[in-house]
Amino acid sequence: MVNLVSQSPLQGWSLTAGGVSAREVVFERVTSVQPFKGAALSLPAPGTWRAEGAGRMVWTGLDEWFAMDCDAPENTATTDQTDAWAWVDLGGEWAAVLARLCPVDPSHLTPGTCARSDVAHMSAILIATDEALQIGVMRSFAGSFTHALSEVMTSVAAQSAL
């Protein structure tokens, strides 16, 4: 008999380089939310997110939101996404790192905003909070994502030290 052990996508990965820190974030529950046709719901506008109790409701694309560690609204179709994504908190002076990985202008990512874009050629969700920039990529890209992030963080730190 094989004993299966649940592991987070990044298995606790973290890195600090120069003025930037990165660490895995694991959400208890992430649910994709799509409103039923004609449902009158109050959801965050495109490019924004809002707190919902201890969690948040995040716009993630055309007619789609993620309920993260909160309940999905009624009159919506939902899909569990909890194990489908790998999430990282990028803290400190993260703008120079993001600028090398992503076409989104870092100055547009202020607390309460979010974006759907590519990060190192991987589809990603960017969520700006007061404390950090959270980046989510599909779980299958976790290794490629941490490799790209590590390379860029190390490079930015080395360039800053010159």
C-alpha atoms as a PDB file:
ATOM      1  CA  MET A   1       0.000   0.000   0.000  1.00  0.00           C
ATOM      2  CA  VAL A   2       1.260   3.483  -0.877  1.00  0.00           C
ATOM      3  CA  ASN A   3       0.699   6.305   1.578  1.00  0.00           C
ATOM      4  CA  LEU A   4      -0.238   9.456  -0.291  1.00  0.00           C
ATOM      5  CA  VAL A   5       0.733  12.764   1.266  1.00  0.00           C
ATOM      6  CA  SER A   6      -0.853  16.061   0.313  1.00  0.00           C
ATOM      7  CA  GLN A   7       1.730  18.642  -0.730  1.00  0.00           C
ATOM      8  CA  SER A   8       1.354  22.271  -1.674  1.00  0.00           C
ATOM      9  CA  PRO A   9       2.365  23.097  -5.261  1.00  0.00           C
ATOM     10  CA  LEU A  10       5.615  24.815  -4.223  1.00  0.00           C
ATOM     11  CA  GLN A  11       6.252  22.706  -1.099  1.00  0.00           C
ATOM     12  CA  GLY A  12       6.951  25.763   1.069  1.00  0.00           C
ATOM     13  CA  TRP A  13       9.334  27.446  -1.390  1.00  0.00           C
ATOM     14  CA  SER A  14      10.720  30.850  -0.417  1.00  0.00           C
ATOM     15  CA  LEU A  15      13.584  33.106  -1.488  1.00  0.00           C
ATOM     16  CA  THR A  16      15.013  36.472  -0.473  1.00  0.00           C
ATOM     17  CA  ALA A  17      17.343  38.320  -2.830  1.00  0.00           C
ATOM     18  CA  GLY A  18      18.289  41.947  -2.271  1.00  0.00           C
ATOM     19  CA  GLY A  19      15.212  43.924  -1.324  1.00  0.00           C
ATOM     20  CA  VAL A  20      12.726  41.350  -2.632  1.00  0.00           C
ATOM     21  CA  SER A  21      11.251  38.353  -0.867  1.00  0.00           C
ATOM     22  CA  ALA A  22       9.092  35.603  -2.285  1.00  0.00           C
ATOM     23  CA  ARG A  23       7.238  32.874  -0.448  1.00  0.00           C
ATOM     24  CA  GLU A  24       4.551  30.365  -1.240  1.00  0.00           C
ATOM     25  CA  VAL A  25       1.017  31.200  -0.160  1.00  0.00           C
ATOM     26  CA  VAL A  26      -1.534  28.423   0.255  1.00  0.00           C
ATOM     27  CA  PHE A  27      -5.219  29.309   0.226  1.00  0.00           C
ATOM     28  CA  GLU A  28      -7.694  27.037   2.011  1.00  0.00           C
ATOM     29  CA  ARG A  29     -10.284  27.396  -0.760  1.00  0.00           C
ATOM     30  CA  VAL A  30     -10.262  28.941  -4.235  1.00  0.00           C
ATOM     31  CA  THR A  31     -13.481  28.750  -6.231  1.00  0.00           C
ATOM     32  CA  SER A  32     -14.026  29.930  -9.790  1.00  0.00           C
ATOM     33  CA  VAL A  33     -17.273  31.915  -9.961  1.00  0.00           C
ATOM     34  CA  GLN A  34     -19.341  32.597 -13.078  1.00  0.00           C
ATOM     35  CA  PRO A  35     -22.727  34.328 -12.672  1.00  0.00           C
ATOM     36  CA  PHE A  36     -25.800  32.670 -14.110  1.00  0.00           C
ATOM     37  CA  LYS A  37     -27.227  34.558 -17.071  1.00  0.00           C
ATOM     38  CA  GLY A  38     -29.395  37.424 -15.855  1.00  0.00           C
ATOM     39  CA  ALA A  39     -28.226  37.161 -12.221  1.00  0.00           C
ATOM     40  CA  ALA A  40     -27.943  40.574 -10.564  1.00  0.00           C
ATOM     41  CA  LEU A  41     -24.763  40.323  -8.518  1.00  0.00           C
ATOM     42  CA  SER A  42     -22.390  42.832  -7.006  1.00  0.00           C
ATOM     43  CA  LEU A  43     -18.951  41.635  -8.074  1.00  0.00           C
ATOM     44  CA  PRO A  44     -15.648  43.526  -8.340  1.00  0.00           C
ATOM     45  CA  ALA A  45     -15.130  45.471 -11.553  1.00  0.00           C
ATOM     46  CA  PRO A  46     -12.554  44.224 -14.062  1.00  0.00           C
ATOM     47  CA  GLY A  47      -9.045  44.774 -12.769  1.00  0.00           C
ATOM     48  CA  THR A  48     -10.104  44.949  -9.112  1.00  0.00           C
ATOM     49  CA  TRP A  49     -10.702  42.775  -6.068  1.00  0.00           C
ATOM     50  CA  ARG A  50     -12.380  43.301  -2.720  1.00  0.00           C
ATOM     51  CA  ALA A  51     -12.241  41.803   0.738  1.00  0.00           C
ATOM     52  CA  GLU A  52     -14.995  39.353   1.663  1.00  0.00           C
ATOM     53  CA  GLY A  53     -14.715  38.572   5.366  1.00  0.00           C
ATOM     54  CA  ALA A  54     -11.371  36.841   5.885  1.00  0.00           C
ATOM     55  CA  GLY A  55     -11.059  36.192   2.141  1.00  0.00           C
ATOM     56  CA  ARG A  56     -11.505  38.069  -1.094  1.00  0.00           C
ATOM     57  CA  MET A  57     -13.404  38.132  -4.369  1.00  0.00           C
ATOM     58  CA  VAL A  58     -11.012  38.668  -7.313  1.00  0.00           C
ATOM     59  CA  TRP A  59     -11.776  39.474 -10.940  1.00  0.00           C
ATOM     60  CA  THR A  60      -9.858  36.925 -13.034  1.00  0.00           C
ATOM     61  CA  GLY A  61     -11.113  37.461 -16.570  1.00  0.00           C
ATOM     62  CA  LEU A  62     -14.153  38.029 -18.754  1.00  0.00           C
ATOM     63  CA  ASP A  63     -17.214  37.135 -16.643  1.00  0.00           C
ATOM     64  CA  GLU A  64     -15.100  35.175 -14.151  1.00  0.00           C
ATOM     65  CA  TRP A  65     -14.014  35.755 -10.554  1.00  0.00           C
ATOM     66  CA  PHE A  66     -12.229  33.758  -7.877  1.00  0.00           C
ATOM     67  CA  ALA A  67     -13.723  33.476  -4.395  1.00  0.00           C
ATOM     68  CA  MET A  68     -10.571  33.028  -2.315  1.00  0.00           C
ATOM     69  CA  ASP A  69     -11.103  31.775   1.240  1.00  0.00           C
ATOM     70  CA  CYS A  70     -14.707  33.028   1.129  1.00  0.00           C
ATOM     71  CA  ASP A  71     -18.087  31.717  -0.017  1.00  0.00           C
ATOM     72  CA  ALA A  72     -19.131  32.038  -3.634  1.00  0.00           C
ATOM     73  CA  PRO A  73     -22.235  34.173  -4.186  1.00  0.00           C
ATOM     74  CA  GLU A  74     -25.564  32.498  -4.916  1.00  0.00           C
ATOM     75  CA  ASN A  75     -26.770  32.319  -8.527  1.00  0.00           C
ATOM     76  CA  THR A  76     -23.333  31.380  -9.824  1.00  0.00           C
ATOM     77  CA  ALA A  77     -21.717  28.369 -11.420  1.00  0.00           C
ATOM     78  CA  THR A  78     -18.661  27.329  -9.412  1.00  0.00           C
ATOM     79  CA  THR A  79     -15.620  25.147  -9.894  1.00  0.00           C
ATOM     80  CA  ASP A  80     -13.109  24.251  -7.200  1.00  0.00           C
ATOM     81  CA  GLN A  81      -9.693  25.651  -8.166  1.00  0.00           C
ATOM     82  CA  THR A  82      -7.925  25.173  -4.828  1.00  0.00           C
ATOM     83  CA  ASP A  83      -5.379  22.612  -6.023  1.00  0.00           C
ATOM     84  CA  ALA A  84      -5.089  23.984  -9.554  1.00  0.00           C
ATOM     85  CA  TRP A  85      -2.950  27.049  -8.789  1.00  0.00           C
ATOM     86  CA  ALA A  86       0.438  27.828  -7.228  1.00  0.00           C
ATOM     87  CA  TRP A  87       0.598  31.184  -5.401  1.00  0.00           C
ATOM     88  CA  VAL A  88       3.528  33.351  -4.347  1.00  0.00           C
ATOM     89  CA  ASP A  89       3.666  36.529  -2.246  1.00  0.00           C
ATOM     90  CA  LEU A  90       6.261  38.851  -3.758  1.00  0.00           C
ATOM     91  CA  GLY A  91       7.209  41.438  -1.148  1.00  0.00           C
ATOM     92  CA  GLY A  92       9.567  44.352  -0.793  1.00  0.00           C
ATOM     93  CA  GLU A  93      10.842  46.133  -3.901  1.00  0.00           C
ATOM     94  CA  TRP A  94       9.118  43.819  -6.379  1.00  0.00           C
ATOM     95  CA  ALA A  95       8.501  46.285  -9.255  1.00  0.00           C
ATOM     96  CA  ALA A  96      11.904  45.716 -10.934  1.00  0.00           C
ATOM     97  CA  VAL A  97      11.419  41.952 -10.745  1.00  0.00           C
ATOM     98  CA  LEU A  98       7.927  42.072 -12.229  1.00  0.00           C
ATOM     99  CA  ALA A  99       9.066  44.423 -15.010  1.00  0.00           C
ATOM    100  CA  ARG A 100      11.448  41.714 -16.234  1.00  0.00           C
ATOM    101  CA  LEU A 101       8.848  38.950 -16.106  1.00  0.00           C
ATOM    102  CA  CYS A 102       5.599  40.537 -17.205  1.00  0.00           C
ATOM    103  CA  PRO A 103       4.278  43.122 -19.707  1.00  0.00           C
ATOM    104  CA  VAL A 104       2.049  44.804 -17.078  1.00  0.00           C
ATOM    105  CA  ASP A 105       3.362  48.175 -15.886  1.00  0.00           C
ATOM    106  CA  PRO A 106       4.078  47.633 -12.164  1.00  0.00           C
ATOM    107  CA  SER A 107       2.922  51.175 -11.367  1.00  0.00           C
ATOM    108  CA  HIS A 108      -0.617  50.145 -12.361  1.00  0.00           C
ATOM    109  CA  LEU A 109      -0.695  47.446  -9.681  1.00  0.00           C
ATOM    110  CA  THR A 110      -1.792  49.336  -6.590  1.00  0.00           C
ATOM    111  CA  PRO A 111      -3.573  47.776  -3.602  1.00  0.00           C
ATOM    112  CA  GLY A 112      -7.062  46.668  -4.589  1.00  0.00           C
ATOM    113  CA  THR A 113      -6.152  46.025  -8.217  1.00  0.00           C
ATOM    114  CA  CYS A 114      -5.471  42.813 -10.090  1.00  0.00           C
ATOM    115  CA  ALA A 115      -4.580  41.756 -13.613  1.00  0.00           C
ATOM    116  CA  ARG A 116      -4.588  38.720 -15.829  1.00  0.00           C
ATOM    117  CA  SER A 117      -1.370  38.525 -17.822  1.00  0.00           C
ATOM    118  CA  ASP A 118       1.632  36.423 -18.709  1.00  0.00           C
ATOM    119  CA  VAL A 119       4.480  36.014 -16.242  1.00  0.00           C
ATOM    120  CA  ALA A 120       7.584  34.445 -17.805  1.00  0.00           C
ATOM    121  CA  HIS A 121       5.350  33.217 -20.661  1.00  0.00           C
ATOM    122  CA  MET A 122       2.916  31.524 -18.260  1.00  0.00           C
ATOM    123  CA  SER A 123      -0.702  32.595 -17.821  1.00  0.00           C
ATOM    124  CA  ALA A 124      -0.965  34.263 -14.426  1.00  0.00           C
ATOM    125  CA  ILE A 125      -3.161  36.233 -12.058  1.00  0.00           C
ATOM    126  CA  LEU A 126      -1.606  39.243 -10.304  1.00  0.00           C
ATOM    127  CA  ILE A 127      -3.224  40.576  -7.112  1.00  0.00           C
ATOM    128  CA  ALA A 128      -1.875  43.747  -5.479  1.00  0.00           C
ATOM    129  CA  THR A 129      -2.406  43.900  -1.707  1.00  0.00           C
ATOM    130  CA  ASP A 130      -1.146  46.342   0.919  1.00  0.00           C
ATOM    131  CA  GLU A 131       1.618  43.910   1.877  1.00  0.00           C
ATOM    132  CA  ALA A 132       2.709  42.251  -1.368  1.00  0.00           C
ATOM    133  CA  LEU A 133       2.004  41.320  -4.945  1.00  0.00           C
ATOM    134  CA  GLN A 134       0.444  37.873  -5.119  1.00  0.00           C
ATOM    135  CA  ILE A 135       1.092  35.934  -8.292  1.00  0.00           C
ATOM    136  CA  GLY A 136      -0.791  32.779  -9.188  1.00  0.00           C
ATOM    137  CA  VAL A 137       0.143  30.389 -11.982  1.00  0.00           C
ATOM    138  CA  MET A 138      -1.313  27.032 -12.881  1.00  0.00           C
ATOM    139  CA  ARG A 139       0.047  24.297 -10.639  1.00  0.00           C
ATOM    140  CA  SER A 140       1.639  22.460 -13.564  1.00  0.00           C
ATOM    141  CA  PHE A 141       3.921  25.490 -14.089  1.00  0.00           C
ATOM    142  CA  ALA A 142       5.067  25.701 -10.447  1.00  0.00           C
ATOM    143  CA  GLY A 143       8.644  24.543 -11.115  1.00  0.00           C
ATOM    144  CA  SER A 144       9.096  26.734 -14.182  1.00  0.00           C
ATOM    145  CA  PHE A 145       7.621  29.694 -12.330  1.00  0.00           C
ATOM    146  CA  THR A 146       9.901  29.430  -9.285  1.00  0.00           C
ATOM    147  CA  HIS A 147      12.913  28.917 -11.562  1.00  0.00           C
ATOM    148  CA  ALA A 148      12.127  32.069 -13.589  1.00  0.00           C
ATOM    149  CA  LEU A 149      11.348  34.056 -10.443  1.00  0.00           C
ATOM    150  CA  SER A 150      14.582  32.913  -8.751  1.00  0.00           C
ATOM    151  CA  GLU A 151      16.702  33.823 -11.784  1.00  0.00           C
ATOM    152  CA  VAL A 152      15.200  37.298 -12.088  1.00  0.00           C
ATOM    153  CA  MET A 153      15.272  38.028  -8.346  1.00  0.00           C
ATOM    154  CA  THR A 154      18.945  37.037  -8.176  1.00  0.00           C
ATOM    155  CA  SER A 155      19.774  39.115 -11.263  1.00  0.00           C
ATOM    156  CA  VAL A 156      17.971  42.206  -9.970  1.00  0.00           C
ATOM    157  CA  ALA A 157      19.700  41.885  -6.601  1.00  0.00           C
ATOM    158  CA  ALA A 158      23.113  41.574  -8.285  1.00  0.00           C
ATOM    159  CA  GLN A 159      22.470  44.592 -10.520  1.00  0.00           C
ATOM    160  CA  SER A 160      21.334  46.656  -7.527  1.00  0.00           C
ATOM    161  CA  ALA A 161      24.542  45.779  -5.672  1.00  0.00           C
ATOM    162  CA  LEU A 162      26.746  47.268  -8.420  1.00  0.00           C
END
